[in-house]
PDB file of N, CA and C in Angstrom:
ATOM      1  N   MET A   1     119.920 123.708 135.304  1.00  0.00           N
ATOM      2  CA  MET A   1     119.990 124.438 136.544  1.00  0.00           C
ATOM      3  C   MET A   1     119.258 125.767 136.355  1.00  0.00           C
ATOM      4  N   ASN A   2     118.454 126.122 137.335  1.00  0.00           N
ATOM      5  CA  ASN A   2     117.763 127.407 137.241  1.00  0.00           C
ATOM      6  C   ASN A   2     118.163 128.303 138.411  1.00  0.00           C
ATOM      7  N   GLY A   3     117.676 129.515 138.385  1.00  0.00           N
ATOM      8  CA  GLY A   3     118.060 130.501 139.380  1.00  0.00           C
ATOM      9  C   GLY A   3     117.702 130.107 140.802  1.00  0.00           C
ATOM     10  N   VAL A   4     116.574 129.450 140.964  1.00  0.00           N
ATOM     11  CA  VAL A   4     116.146 129.039 142.303  1.00  0.00           C
ATOM     12  C   VAL A   4     117.127 128.023 142.880  1.00  0.00           C
ATOM     13  N   GLU A   5     117.553 127.072 142.059  1.00  0.00           N
ATOM     14  CA  GLU A   5     118.511 126.065 142.528  1.00  0.00           C
ATOM     15  C   GLU A   5     119.836 126.709 142.906  1.00  0.00           C
ATOM     16  N   VAL A   6     120.261 127.695 142.133  1.00  0.00           N
ATOM     17  CA  VAL A   6     121.537 128.359 142.395  1.00  0.00           C
ATOM     18  C   VAL A   6     121.444 129.171 143.677  1.00  0.00           C
ATOM     19  N   ARG A   7     120.336 129.849 143.889  1.00  0.00           N
ATOM     20  CA  ARG A   7     120.192 130.684 145.089  1.00  0.00           C
ATOM     21  C   ARG A   7     120.174 129.868 146.375  1.00  0.00           C
ATOM     22  N   LEU A   8     119.811 128.601 146.300  1.00  0.00           N
ATOM     23  CA  LEU A   8     119.771 127.757 147.493  1.00  0.00           C
ATOM     24  C   LEU A   8     121.150 127.272 147.918  1.00  0.00           C
ATOM     25  N   LYS A   9     122.143 127.424 147.072  1.00  0.00           N
ATOM     26  CA  LYS A   9     123.491 126.944 147.365  1.00  0.00           C
ATOM     27  C   LYS A   9     124.282 127.997 148.150  1.00  0.00           C
ATOM     28  N   THR A  10     125.267 127.509 148.903  1.00  0.00           N
ATOM     29  CA  THR A  10     126.120 128.406 149.670  1.00  0.00           C
ATOM     30  C   THR A  10     127.170 129.021 148.747  1.00  0.00           C
ATOM     31  N   ASP A  11     127.867 130.026 149.259  1.00  0.00           N
ATOM     32  CA  ASP A  11     128.911 130.687 148.478  1.00  0.00           C
ATOM     33  C   ASP A  11     130.023 129.708 148.093  1.00  0.00           C
ATOM     34  N   ASP A  12     130.393 128.835 149.019  1.00  0.00           N
ATOM     35  CA  ASP A  12     131.444 127.857 148.720  1.00  0.00           C
ATOM     36  C   ASP A  12     131.004 126.882 147.634  1.00  0.00           C
ATOM     37  N   GLU A  13     129.759 126.452 147.687  1.00  0.00           N
ATOM     38  CA  GLU A  13     129.243 125.553 146.652  1.00  0.00           C
ATOM     39  C   GLU A  13     129.220 126.250 145.298  1.00  0.00           C
ATOM     40  N   LEU A  14     128.874 127.525 145.298  1.00  0.00           N
ATOM     41  CA  LEU A  14     128.851 128.275 144.044  1.00  0.00           C
ATOM     42  C   LEU A  14     130.252 128.413 143.460  1.00  0.00           C
ATOM     43  N   LYS A  15     131.241 128.656 144.314  1.00  0.00           N
ATOM     44  CA  LYS A  15     132.617 128.759 143.830  1.00  0.00           C
ATOM     45  C   LYS A  15     133.058 127.440 143.210  1.00  0.00           C
ATOM     46  N   THR A  16     132.720 126.344 143.857  1.00  0.00           N
ATOM     47  CA  THR A  16     133.079 125.023 143.345  1.00  0.00           C
ATOM     48  C   THR A  16     132.393 124.761 142.010  1.00  0.00           C
ATOM     49  N   MET A  17     131.112 125.090 141.926  1.00  0.00           N
ATOM     50  CA  MET A  17     130.369 124.893 140.682  1.00  0.00           C
ATOM     51  C   MET A  17     130.942 125.757 139.564  1.00  0.00           C
ATOM     52  N   LEU A  18     131.283 126.998 139.890  1.00  0.00           N
ATOM     53  CA  LEU A  18     131.827 127.913 138.895  1.00  0.00           C
ATOM     54  C   LEU A  18     133.149 127.392 138.344  1.00  0.00           C
ATOM     55  N   LEU A  19     133.999 126.888 139.214  1.00  0.00           N
ATOM     56  CA  LEU A  19     135.271 126.333 138.784  1.00  0.00           C
ATOM     57  C   LEU A  19     135.054 125.134 137.859  1.00  0.00           C
ATOM     58  N   ALA A  20     134.137 124.250 138.226  1.00  0.00           N
ATOM     59  CA  ALA A  20     133.852 123.071 137.410  1.00  0.00           C
ATOM     60  C   ALA A  20     133.282 123.469 136.051  1.00  0.00           C
ATOM     61  N   LEU A  21     132.398 124.457 136.035  1.00  0.00           N
ATOM     62  CA  LEU A  21     131.806 124.895 134.766  1.00  0.00           C
ATOM     63  C   LEU A  21     132.836 125.563 133.864  1.00  0.00           C
ATOM     64  N   LYS A  22     133.751 126.308 134.454  1.00  0.00           N
ATOM     65  CA  LYS A  22     134.799 126.943 133.647  1.00  0.00           C
ATOM     66  C   LYS A  22     135.714 125.891 133.033  1.00  0.00           C
ATOM     67  N   LYS A  23     136.016 124.837 133.791  1.00  0.00           N
ATOM     68  CA  LYS A  23     136.825 123.742 133.249  1.00  0.00           C
ATOM     69  C   LYS A  23     136.081 123.044 132.111  1.00  0.00           C
ATOM     70  N   GLU A  24     134.787 122.833 132.303  1.00  0.00           N
ATOM     71  CA  GLU A  24     133.996 122.195 131.267  1.00  0.00           C
ATOM     72  C   GLU A  24     133.951 123.058 130.004  1.00  0.00           C
ATOM     73  N   ALA A  25     133.798 124.362 130.175  1.00  0.00           N
ATOM     74  CA  ALA A  25     133.778 125.265 129.028  1.00  0.00           C
ATOM     75  C   ALA A  25     135.106 125.207 128.281  1.00  0.00           C
ATOM     76  N   PHE A  26     136.187 125.149 129.015  1.00  0.00           N
ATOM     77  CA  PHE A  26     137.509 125.043 128.405  1.00  0.00           C
ATOM     78  C   PHE A  26     137.611 123.768 127.567  1.00  0.00           C
ATOM     79  N   ASN A  27     137.176 122.659 128.149  1.00  0.00           N
ATOM     80  CA  ASN A  27     137.220 121.381 127.433  1.00  0.00           C
ATOM     81  C   ASN A  27     136.314 121.396 126.204  1.00  0.00           C
ATOM     82  N   LEU A  28     135.158 122.013 126.322  1.00  0.00           N
ATOM     83  CA  LEU A  28     134.247 122.100 125.180  1.00  0.00           C
ATOM     84  C   LEU A  28     134.847 122.931 124.051  1.00  0.00           C
ATOM     85  N   ARG A  29     135.549 124.006 124.415  1.00  0.00           N
ATOM     86  CA  ARG A  29     136.207 124.808 123.379  1.00  0.00           C
ATOM     87  C   ARG A  29     137.263 124.001 122.641  1.00  0.00           C
ATOM     88  N   PHE A  30     138.014 123.173 123.372  1.00  0.00           N
ATOM     89  CA  PHE A  30     139.007 122.330 122.729  1.00  0.00           C
ATOM     90  C   PHE A  30     138.348 121.309 121.810  1.00  0.00           C
ATOM     91  N   GLN A  31     137.260 120.722 122.267  1.00  0.00           N
ATOM     92  CA  GLN A  31     136.549 119.748 121.436  1.00  0.00           C
ATOM     93  C   GLN A  31     136.031 120.396 120.163  1.00  0.00           C
ATOM     94  N   ARG A  32     135.510 121.613 120.288  1.00  0.00           N
ATOM     95  CA  ARG A  32     135.005 122.307 119.105  1.00  0.00           C
ATOM     96  C   ARG A  32     136.134 122.603 118.124  1.00  0.00           C
ATOM     97  N   ALA A  33     137.268 123.036 118.641  1.00  0.00           N
ATOM     98  CA  ALA A  33     138.400 123.375 117.783  1.00  0.00           C
ATOM     99  C   ALA A  33     138.956 122.152 117.057  1.00  0.00           C
ATOM    100  N   SER A  34     138.885 120.994 117.712  1.00  0.00           N
ATOM    101  CA  SER A  34     139.417 119.784 117.090  1.00  0.00           C
ATOM    102  C   SER A  34     138.360 119.023 116.297  1.00  0.00           C
ATOM    103  N   GLY A  35     137.141 119.542 116.270  1.00  0.00           N
ATOM    104  CA  GLY A  35     136.079 118.909 115.493  1.00  0.00           C
ATOM    105  C   GLY A  35     135.440 117.715 116.170  1.00  0.00           C
ATOM    106  N   GLN A  36     135.633 117.562 117.472  1.00  0.00           N
ATOM    107  CA  GLN A  36     135.086 116.413 118.192  1.00  0.00           C
ATOM    108  C   GLN A  36     133.815 116.732 118.974  1.00  0.00           C
ATOM    109  N   LEU A  37     133.407 117.986 118.983  1.00  0.00           N
ATOM    110  CA  LEU A  37     132.246 118.389 119.778  1.00  0.00           C
ATOM    111  C   LEU A  37     130.970 117.920 119.092  1.00  0.00           C
ATOM    112  N   GLU A  38     130.195 117.112 119.805  1.00  0.00           N
ATOM    113  CA  GLU A  38     128.946 116.592 119.247  1.00  0.00           C
ATOM    114  C   GLU A  38     127.737 117.379 119.740  1.00  0.00           C
ATOM    115  N   ASN A  39     127.733 117.721 121.015  1.00  0.00           N
ATOM    116  CA  ASN A  39     126.583 118.419 121.593  1.00  0.00           C
ATOM    117  C   ASN A  39     126.907 119.908 121.684  1.00  0.00           C
ATOM    118  N   THR A  40     126.636 120.633 120.620  1.00  0.00           N
ATOM    119  CA  THR A  40     126.980 122.058 120.592  1.00  0.00           C
ATOM    120  C   THR A  40     126.107 122.872 121.537  1.00  0.00           C
ATOM    121  N   ALA A  41     124.942 122.394 121.860  1.00  0.00           N
ATOM    122  CA  ALA A  41     124.048 123.122 122.764  1.00  0.00           C
ATOM    123  C   ALA A  41     124.608 123.166 124.181  1.00  0.00           C
ATOM    124  N   ARG A  42     125.487 122.227 124.508  1.00  0.00           N
ATOM    125  CA  ARG A  42     126.063 122.208 125.854  1.00  0.00           C
ATOM    126  C   ARG A  42     126.920 123.452 126.103  1.00  0.00           C
ATOM    127  N   MET A  43     127.584 123.949 125.061  1.00  0.00           N
ATOM    128  CA  MET A  43     128.392 125.162 125.223  1.00  0.00           C
ATOM    129  C   MET A  43     127.529 126.330 125.673  1.00  0.00           C
ATOM    130  N   ARG A  44     126.386 126.477 125.050  1.00  0.00           N
ATOM    131  CA  ARG A  44     125.476 127.562 125.408  1.00  0.00           C
ATOM    132  C   ARG A  44     124.972 127.399 126.841  1.00  0.00           C
ATOM    133  N   ALA A  45     124.626 126.177 127.207  1.00  0.00           N
ATOM    134  CA  ALA A  45     124.125 125.918 128.552  1.00  0.00           C
ATOM    135  C   ALA A  45     125.189 126.224 129.607  1.00  0.00           C
ATOM    136  N   VAL A  46     126.423 125.840 129.329  1.00  0.00           N
ATOM    137  CA  VAL A  46     127.506 126.095 130.286  1.00  0.00           C
ATOM    138  C   VAL A  46     127.742 127.593 130.427  1.00  0.00           C
ATOM    139  N   ARG A  47     127.769 128.312 129.304  1.00  0.00           N
ATOM    140  CA  ARG A  47     127.961 129.766 129.369  1.00  0.00           C
ATOM    141  C   ARG A  47     126.866 130.424 130.191  1.00  0.00           C
ATOM    142  N   ARG A  48     125.646 129.997 129.988  1.00  0.00           N
ATOM    143  CA  ARG A  48     124.529 130.591 130.732  1.00  0.00           C
ATOM    144  C   ARG A  48     124.586 130.243 132.210  1.00  0.00           C
ATOM    145  N   ASP A  49     124.999 129.016 132.529  1.00  0.00           N
ATOM    146  CA  ASP A  49     125.138 128.629 133.934  1.00  0.00           C
ATOM    147  C   ASP A  49     126.217 129.453 134.619  1.00  0.00           C
ATOM    148  N   VAL A  50     127.331 129.690 133.925  1.00  0.00           N
ATOM    149  CA  VAL A  50     128.402 130.516 134.480  1.00  0.00           C
ATOM    150  C   VAL A  50     127.874 131.926 134.741  1.00  0.00           C
ATOM    151  N   ALA A  51     127.171 132.477 133.774  1.00  0.00           N
ATOM    152  CA  ALA A  51     126.624 133.827 133.936  1.00  0.00           C
ATOM    153  C   ALA A  51     125.621 133.879 135.087  1.00  0.00           C
ATOM    154  N   ARG A  52     124.809 132.856 135.198  1.00  0.00           N
ATOM    155  CA  ARG A  52     123.800 132.802 136.264  1.00  0.00           C
ATOM    156  C   ARG A  52     124.482 132.794 137.625  1.00  0.00           C
ATOM    157  N   ILE A  53     125.520 131.986 137.775  1.00  0.00           N
ATOM    158  CA  ILE A  53     126.216 131.904 139.058  1.00  0.00           C
ATOM    159  C   ILE A  53     126.904 133.227 139.367  1.00  0.00           C
ATOM    160  N   LYS A  54     127.560 133.821 138.371  1.00  0.00           N
ATOM    161  CA  LYS A  54     128.234 135.101 138.600  1.00  0.00           C
ATOM    162  C   LYS A  54     127.242 136.184 138.996  1.00  0.00           C
ATOM    163  N   THR A  55     126.060 136.168 138.418  1.00  0.00           N
ATOM    164  CA  THR A  55     125.033 137.147 138.756  1.00  0.00           C
ATOM    165  C   THR A  55     124.592 136.995 140.203  1.00  0.00           C
ATOM    166  N   ILE A  56     124.357 135.762 140.627  1.00  0.00           N
ATOM    167  CA  ILE A  56     123.915 135.508 142.001  1.00  0.00           C
ATOM    168  C   ILE A  56     125.001 135.936 142.988  1.00  0.00           C
ATOM    169  N   VAL A  57     126.262 135.621 142.686  1.00  0.00           N
ATOM    170  CA  VAL A  57     127.371 135.994 143.565  1.00  0.00           C
ATOM    171  C   VAL A  57     127.463 137.519 143.670  1.00  0.00           C
ATOM    172  N   ALA A  58     127.320 138.205 142.540  1.00  0.00           N
ATOM    173  CA  ALA A  58     127.383 139.668 142.549  1.00  0.00           C
ATOM    174  C   ALA A  58     126.230 140.264 143.353  1.00  0.00           C
ATOM    175  N   GLU A  59     125.049 139.699 143.221  1.00  0.00           N
ATOM    176  CA  GLU A  59     123.898 140.179 143.992  1.00  0.00           C
ATOM    177  C   GLU A  59     124.150 140.019 145.482  1.00  0.00           C
ATOM    178  N   ARG A  60     124.725 138.888 145.866  1.00  0.00           N
ATOM    179  CA  ARG A  60     125.006 138.654 147.281  1.00  0.00           C
ATOM    180  C   ARG A  60     126.055 139.627 147.791  1.00  0.00           C
ATOM    181  N   ARG A  61     127.070 139.921 146.973  1.00  0.00           N
ATOM    182  CA  ARG A  61     128.091 140.881 147.388  1.00  0.00           C
ATOM    183  C   ARG A  61     127.499 142.262 147.598  1.00  0.00           C
ATOM    184  N   ARG A  62     126.641 142.674 146.653  1.00  0.00           N
ATOM    185  CA  ARG A  62     126.006 143.984 146.784  1.00  0.00           C
ATOM    186  C   ARG A  62     125.126 144.048 148.021  1.00  0.00           C
ATOM    187  N   ALA A  63     124.391 142.973 148.292  1.00  0.00           N
ATOM    188  CA  ALA A  63     123.521 142.945 149.457  1.00  0.00           C
ATOM    189  C   ALA A  63     124.352 142.996 150.751  1.00  0.00           C
ATOM    190  N   ALA A  64     125.458 142.279 150.761  1.00  0.00           N
ATOM    191  CA  ALA A  64     126.321 142.281 151.944  1.00  0.00           C
ATOM    192  C   ALA A  64     126.987 143.649 152.115  1.00  0.00           C
ATOM    193  N   GLY A  65     127.320 144.304 151.027  1.00  0.00           N
ATOM    194  CA  GLY A  65     127.949 145.612 151.091  1.00  0.00           C
ATOM    195  C   GLY A  65     127.013 146.687 151.588  1.00  0.00           C
ATOM    196  N   SER A  66     125.749 146.600 151.236  1.00  0.00           N
ATOM    197  CA  SER A  66     124.799 147.625 151.657  1.00  0.00           C
ATOM    198  C   SER A  66     124.395 147.463 153.118  1.00  0.00           C
ATOM    199  N   GLU A  67     124.534 146.238 153.654  1.00  0.00           N
ATOM    200  CA  GLU A  67     124.191 146.013 155.048  1.00  0.00           C
ATOM    201  C   GLU A  67     125.299 146.496 155.979  1.00  0.00           C
ATOM    202  N   ALA A  68     126.509 146.450 155.515  1.00  0.00           N
ATOM    203  CA  ALA A  68     127.651 146.789 156.385  1.00  0.00           C
ATOM    204  C   ALA A  68     127.806 148.283 156.563  1.00  0.00           C
TER     205      ALA A  68
END
């Protein structure tokens, strides 16, 4: 997922995606702790996707705040 794809989504879609990614990150942490995690690169990708979504949401909030 890249920034352009994230920016095309609505706020509700972003909230849903963020919730799903946080659940996935939680599950990946458990897999790592129990020694079952095979794709370690997925943890990094999930963290970056979460950060990307949070950044876009924050930008939208700031833009909405400055217009009001």
